Amino acid sequence: MSESVTIIFEKRDGERIEVAARTGASVMETAVVNNVAGIEAECGGSCICATCHVYCDHVADGVLDEMSPIEDDMLDLAAAERRPSSRLSCQIRVGPALDRAVFVIPEAQF
């Protein structure tokens, strides 16, 4: 049985949704399994659509792996404003260091 940690998704209105996240899964997979609105994941985690964009303002420095050049390029195509804390949730793997981490769901700007 896989271990799990709690991660938190914060909506634009400040509402927080706490979910159990299986270690080894991506933050995007966790959002999809828990029906978290705002994480569309159209490409299923292939890093080719930017519909799983999140802000990682509340994640401690050094916890996340470095962003790949492909993820960096895809974030330029995100519908919401790109910020220094922007990441694609399909590229973030859940591990013990993410316990109680907060991922902010941006409001898409079409």
N, C-alpha and C. Protein backbone atom coordinates (compact mmCIF):
# COMPACT_ATOMS: atom_id res chain seq x y z
N MET A 1 0.84 -1.18 0.00
CA MET A 1 0.00 0.00 0.00
C MET A 1 0.89 1.25 0.00
N SER A 2 0.60 2.18 -0.87
CA SER A 2 1.37 3.42 -0.97
C SER A 2 1.06 4.34 0.20
N GLU A 3 2.07 5.07 0.59
CA GLU A 3 1.86 6.10 1.60
C GLU A 3 1.14 7.26 0.95
N SER A 4 0.52 8.08 1.78
CA SER A 4 -0.09 9.29 1.24
C SER A 4 0.22 10.46 2.15
N VAL A 5 0.11 11.64 1.56
CA VAL A 5 0.27 12.89 2.28
C VAL A 5 -0.94 13.74 1.95
N THR A 6 -1.12 14.80 2.68
CA THR A 6 -2.21 15.72 2.39
C THR A 6 -1.64 16.89 1.60
N ILE A 7 -2.27 17.18 0.47
CA ILE A 7 -1.94 18.41 -0.24
C ILE A 7 -3.20 19.25 -0.33
N ILE A 8 -3.00 20.53 -0.53
CA ILE A 8 -4.11 21.48 -0.49
C ILE A 8 -4.14 22.27 -1.79
N PHE A 9 -5.32 22.35 -2.37
CA PHE A 9 -5.55 23.19 -3.55
C PHE A 9 -6.33 24.41 -3.07
N GLU A 10 -5.87 25.58 -3.46
CA GLU A 10 -6.54 26.82 -3.07
C GLU A 10 -7.15 27.45 -4.31
N LYS A 11 -8.46 27.69 -4.24
CA LYS A 11 -9.17 28.32 -5.34
C LYS A 11 -8.99 29.84 -5.26
N ARG A 12 -9.33 30.51 -6.33
CA ARG A 12 -9.16 31.97 -6.41
C ARG A 12 -9.89 32.70 -5.28
N ASP A 13 -11.03 32.18 -4.86
CA ASP A 13 -11.81 32.83 -3.80
C ASP A 13 -11.27 32.53 -2.39
N GLY A 14 -10.17 31.79 -2.32
CA GLY A 14 -9.56 31.47 -1.03
C GLY A 14 -9.98 30.14 -0.43
N GLU A 15 -11.02 29.52 -1.02
CA GLU A 15 -11.45 28.21 -0.51
C GLU A 15 -10.31 27.21 -0.69
N ARG A 16 -10.10 26.41 0.34
CA ARG A 16 -9.05 25.40 0.29
C ARG A 16 -9.66 24.01 0.29
N ILE A 17 -9.11 23.16 -0.57
CA ILE A 17 -9.58 21.79 -0.70
C ILE A 17 -8.42 20.87 -0.32
N GLU A 18 -8.57 20.14 0.78
CA GLU A 18 -7.54 19.21 1.24
C GLU A 18 -7.84 17.83 0.69
N VAL A 19 -6.81 17.21 0.11
CA VAL A 19 -6.98 15.87 -0.46
C VAL A 19 -5.82 14.98 -0.06
N ALA A 20 -6.09 13.69 -0.03
CA ALA A 20 -5.03 12.71 0.19
C ALA A 20 -4.34 12.47 -1.14
N ALA A 21 -3.02 12.55 -1.12
CA ALA A 21 -2.23 12.36 -2.34
C ALA A 21 -1.31 11.17 -2.16
N ARG A 22 -1.36 10.24 -3.09
CA ARG A 22 -0.51 9.05 -3.05
C ARG A 22 0.91 9.45 -3.43
N THR A 23 1.88 9.06 -2.63
CA THR A 23 3.27 9.36 -2.97
C THR A 23 3.62 8.69 -4.29
N GLY A 24 4.33 9.43 -5.11
CA GLY A 24 4.69 8.95 -6.44
C GLY A 24 3.76 9.43 -7.53
N ALA A 25 2.53 9.78 -7.17
CA ALA A 25 1.59 10.33 -8.15
C ALA A 25 1.98 11.77 -8.44
N SER A 26 1.44 12.32 -9.50
CA SER A 26 1.67 13.74 -9.75
C SER A 26 0.60 14.56 -9.03
N VAL A 27 0.88 15.81 -8.82
CA VAL A 27 -0.11 16.71 -8.22
C VAL A 27 -1.33 16.80 -9.14
N MET A 28 -1.11 16.78 -10.45
CA MET A 28 -2.22 16.81 -11.41
C MET A 28 -3.10 15.57 -11.28
N GLU A 29 -2.48 14.39 -11.22
CA GLU A 29 -3.26 13.15 -11.06
C GLU A 29 -4.09 13.21 -9.78
N THR A 30 -3.51 13.75 -8.73
CA THR A 30 -4.22 13.87 -7.47
C THR A 30 -5.43 14.78 -7.62
N ALA A 31 -5.26 15.89 -8.32
CA ALA A 31 -6.38 16.81 -8.54
C ALA A 31 -7.49 16.15 -9.35
N VAL A 32 -7.12 15.45 -10.40
CA VAL A 32 -8.11 14.80 -11.27
C VAL A 32 -8.89 13.73 -10.50
N VAL A 33 -8.19 12.88 -9.76
CA VAL A 33 -8.83 11.81 -9.00
C VAL A 33 -9.81 12.38 -7.97
N ASN A 34 -9.50 13.57 -7.45
CA ASN A 34 -10.34 14.19 -6.42
C ASN A 34 -11.29 15.25 -6.98
N ASN A 35 -11.42 15.30 -8.30
CA ASN A 35 -12.36 16.22 -8.96
C ASN A 35 -12.15 17.68 -8.56
N VAL A 36 -10.90 18.10 -8.50
CA VAL A 36 -10.59 19.49 -8.16
C VAL A 36 -10.80 20.35 -9.41
N ALA A 37 -11.77 21.25 -9.35
CA ALA A 37 -12.08 22.13 -10.48
C ALA A 37 -10.92 23.07 -10.75
N GLY A 38 -10.66 23.31 -12.03
CA GLY A 38 -9.62 24.24 -12.42
C GLY A 38 -8.35 23.57 -12.89
N ILE A 39 -8.22 22.27 -12.63
CA ILE A 39 -7.10 21.49 -13.14
C ILE A 39 -7.70 20.61 -14.24
N GLU A 40 -7.56 21.08 -15.48
CA GLU A 40 -8.21 20.40 -16.61
C GLU A 40 -7.45 19.17 -17.08
N ALA A 41 -6.13 19.26 -17.15
CA ALA A 41 -5.29 18.12 -17.53
C ALA A 41 -5.69 17.50 -18.86
N GLU A 42 -5.90 18.33 -19.86
CA GLU A 42 -6.36 17.85 -21.16
C GLU A 42 -5.42 16.83 -21.80
N CYS A 43 -4.12 16.95 -21.57
CA CYS A 43 -3.17 16.03 -22.22
C CYS A 43 -2.87 14.81 -21.35
N GLY A 44 -3.47 14.74 -20.18
CA GLY A 44 -3.29 13.59 -19.31
C GLY A 44 -1.93 13.51 -18.64
N GLY A 45 -1.21 14.61 -18.61
CA GLY A 45 0.08 14.62 -17.91
C GLY A 45 1.28 14.52 -18.81
N SER A 46 1.11 14.79 -20.10
CA SER A 46 2.20 14.67 -21.06
C SER A 46 3.02 15.95 -21.22
N CYS A 47 2.68 16.98 -20.47
CA CYS A 47 3.41 18.25 -20.52
C CYS A 47 3.29 18.91 -21.90
N ILE A 48 2.08 18.84 -22.48
CA ILE A 48 1.90 19.47 -23.78
C ILE A 48 0.66 20.36 -23.88
N CYS A 49 0.06 20.73 -22.74
CA CYS A 49 -1.16 21.55 -22.86
C CYS A 49 -1.24 22.72 -21.87
N ALA A 50 -0.55 22.67 -20.77
CA ALA A 50 -0.54 23.74 -19.75
C ALA A 50 -1.89 23.96 -19.08
N THR A 51 -2.81 22.97 -19.14
CA THR A 51 -4.11 23.14 -18.48
C THR A 51 -4.10 22.64 -17.03
N CYS A 52 -2.93 22.34 -16.52
CA CYS A 52 -2.80 21.93 -15.11
C CYS A 52 -1.91 22.93 -14.36
N HIS A 53 -1.83 24.13 -14.89
CA HIS A 53 -1.03 25.22 -14.33
C HIS A 53 -1.44 25.52 -12.88
N VAL A 54 -0.46 25.64 -12.00
CA VAL A 54 -0.70 26.04 -10.61
C VAL A 54 0.38 27.04 -10.20
N TYR A 55 0.09 27.78 -9.13
CA TYR A 55 1.07 28.64 -8.51
C TYR A 55 1.55 27.95 -7.24
N CYS A 56 2.85 27.96 -7.05
CA CYS A 56 3.47 27.27 -5.91
C CYS A 56 4.01 28.26 -4.88
N ASP A 57 3.29 29.35 -4.67
CA ASP A 57 3.73 30.40 -3.74
C ASP A 57 3.94 29.87 -2.33
N HIS A 58 3.16 28.87 -1.94
CA HIS A 58 3.18 28.38 -0.56
C HIS A 58 3.98 27.09 -0.40
N VAL A 59 4.79 26.75 -1.38
CA VAL A 59 5.63 25.55 -1.31
C VAL A 59 7.04 26.02 -0.95
N ALA A 60 7.61 25.42 0.06
CA ALA A 60 8.93 25.84 0.54
C ALA A 60 9.99 25.73 -0.55
N ASP A 61 10.92 26.67 -0.55
CA ASP A 61 12.02 26.64 -1.51
C ASP A 61 12.79 25.33 -1.40
N GLY A 62 13.20 24.81 -2.53
CA GLY A 62 14.01 23.60 -2.56
C GLY A 62 13.24 22.30 -2.49
N VAL A 63 11.92 22.37 -2.33
CA VAL A 63 11.11 21.15 -2.23
C VAL A 63 10.83 20.55 -3.61
N LEU A 64 10.57 21.41 -4.59
CA LEU A 64 10.24 20.94 -5.93
C LEU A 64 11.49 20.70 -6.75
N ASP A 65 11.44 19.70 -7.63
CA ASP A 65 12.53 19.48 -8.58
C ASP A 65 12.62 20.68 -9.52
N GLU A 66 13.77 20.84 -10.13
CA GLU A 66 13.96 21.91 -11.11
C GLU A 66 12.99 21.73 -12.27
N MET A 67 12.57 22.85 -12.83
CA MET A 67 11.69 22.84 -13.99
C MET A 67 12.48 22.44 -15.23
N SER A 68 11.89 21.59 -16.04
CA SER A 68 12.55 21.19 -17.29
C SER A 68 12.35 22.29 -18.34
N PRO A 69 13.20 22.32 -19.35
CA PRO A 69 13.01 23.30 -20.43
C PRO A 69 11.66 23.15 -21.13
N ILE A 70 11.16 21.93 -21.26
CA ILE A 70 9.86 21.71 -21.91
C ILE A 70 8.74 22.33 -21.06
N GLU A 71 8.78 22.10 -19.76
CA GLU A 71 7.77 22.70 -18.87
C GLU A 71 7.86 24.22 -18.94
N ASP A 72 9.06 24.75 -18.93
CA ASP A 72 9.26 26.20 -19.01
C ASP A 72 8.61 26.76 -20.27
N ASP A 73 8.82 26.09 -21.40
CA ASP A 73 8.21 26.53 -22.66
C ASP A 73 6.69 26.45 -22.61
N MET A 74 6.17 25.37 -22.05
CA MET A 74 4.71 25.19 -21.99
C MET A 74 4.04 26.24 -21.12
N LEU A 75 4.71 26.66 -20.06
CA LEU A 75 4.12 27.67 -19.18
C LEU A 75 3.90 29.00 -19.90
N ASP A 76 4.67 29.24 -20.95
CA ASP A 76 4.46 30.46 -21.74
C ASP A 76 3.13 30.42 -22.47
N LEU A 77 2.55 29.25 -22.63
CA LEU A 77 1.27 29.08 -23.33
C LEU A 77 0.08 28.97 -22.39
N ALA A 78 0.31 29.04 -21.09
CA ALA A 78 -0.78 28.90 -20.12
C ALA A 78 -1.80 30.02 -20.29
N ALA A 79 -3.06 29.70 -20.06
CA ALA A 79 -4.15 30.67 -20.22
C ALA A 79 -4.11 31.75 -19.15
N ALA A 80 -3.60 31.43 -17.98
CA ALA A 80 -3.53 32.41 -16.89
C ALA A 80 -2.14 33.03 -16.86
N GLU A 81 -2.05 34.14 -16.17
CA GLU A 81 -0.78 34.85 -16.04
C GLU A 81 0.32 33.92 -15.52
N ARG A 82 1.46 33.99 -16.17
CA ARG A 82 2.62 33.24 -15.69
C ARG A 82 3.32 34.07 -14.62
N ARG A 83 3.65 33.41 -13.53
CA ARG A 83 4.35 34.07 -12.41
C ARG A 83 5.63 33.30 -12.11
N PRO A 84 6.52 33.88 -11.31
CA PRO A 84 7.73 33.15 -10.93
C PRO A 84 7.44 31.82 -10.24
N SER A 85 6.29 31.71 -9.59
CA SER A 85 5.94 30.47 -8.88
C SER A 85 5.12 29.51 -9.74
N SER A 86 4.92 29.81 -11.02
CA SER A 86 4.12 28.95 -11.90
C SER A 86 4.82 27.62 -12.16
N ARG A 87 4.02 26.57 -12.14
CA ARG A 87 4.48 25.23 -12.49
C ARG A 87 3.32 24.48 -13.14
N LEU A 88 3.64 23.42 -13.84
CA LEU A 88 2.62 22.50 -14.34
C LEU A 88 2.50 21.38 -13.32
N SER A 89 1.30 21.17 -12.81
CA SER A 89 1.13 20.18 -11.74
C SER A 89 1.39 18.75 -12.21
N CYS A 90 1.38 18.51 -13.52
CA CYS A 90 1.70 17.17 -14.03
C CYS A 90 3.18 16.86 -13.87
N GLN A 91 3.99 17.88 -13.63
CA GLN A 91 5.44 17.70 -13.52
C GLN A 91 5.92 17.67 -12.07
N ILE A 92 4.99 17.73 -11.14
CA ILE A 92 5.35 17.72 -9.71
C ILE A 92 4.93 16.38 -9.11
N ARG A 93 5.90 15.63 -8.63
CA ARG A 93 5.64 14.33 -8.01
C ARG A 93 5.40 14.51 -6.52
N VAL A 94 4.41 13.83 -6.01
CA VAL A 94 4.08 13.88 -4.59
C VAL A 94 5.08 13.05 -3.80
N GLY A 95 5.58 13.64 -2.74
CA GLY A 95 6.47 12.96 -1.82
C GLY A 95 6.25 13.51 -0.42
N PRO A 96 6.88 12.94 0.58
CA PRO A 96 6.68 13.38 1.96
C PRO A 96 6.92 14.87 2.18
N ALA A 97 7.83 15.47 1.41
CA ALA A 97 8.13 16.90 1.59
C ALA A 97 6.97 17.79 1.17
N LEU A 98 6.00 17.25 0.44
CA LEU A 98 4.84 18.05 0.03
C LEU A 98 3.67 17.95 1.00
N ASP A 99 3.85 17.25 2.11
CA ASP A 99 2.75 17.15 3.08
C ASP A 99 2.33 18.54 3.53
N ARG A 100 1.05 18.85 3.33
CA ARG A 100 0.42 20.13 3.69
C ARG A 100 0.81 21.26 2.73
N ALA A 101 1.43 20.95 1.60
CA ALA A 101 1.77 21.97 0.60
C ALA A 101 0.49 22.53 -0.02
N VAL A 102 0.52 23.80 -0.36
CA VAL A 102 -0.64 24.47 -0.95
C VAL A 102 -0.31 24.84 -2.40
N PHE A 103 -1.19 24.45 -3.31
CA PHE A 103 -1.08 24.78 -4.72
C PHE A 103 -2.26 25.65 -5.10
N VAL A 104 -1.99 26.85 -5.58
CA VAL A 104 -3.04 27.80 -5.93
C VAL A 104 -3.43 27.59 -7.38
N ILE A 105 -4.73 27.46 -7.61
CA ILE A 105 -5.27 27.27 -8.95
C ILE A 105 -5.54 28.64 -9.55
N PRO A 106 -4.83 28.99 -10.63
CA PRO A 106 -5.06 30.31 -11.23
C PRO A 106 -6.39 30.36 -11.97
N GLU A 107 -6.91 31.56 -12.11
CA GLU A 107 -8.10 31.73 -12.92
C GLU A 107 -7.66 31.90 -14.36
N ALA A 108 -8.16 31.04 -15.22
CA ALA A 108 -7.78 31.12 -16.64
C ALA A 108 -8.29 32.42 -17.24
N GLN A 109 -7.48 33.00 -18.09
CA GLN A 109 -7.86 34.24 -18.75
C GLN A 109 -7.92 33.99 -20.24
N PHE A 110 -9.12 33.77 -20.76
CA PHE A 110 -9.29 33.47 -22.18
C PHE A 110 -9.63 34.73 -22.95
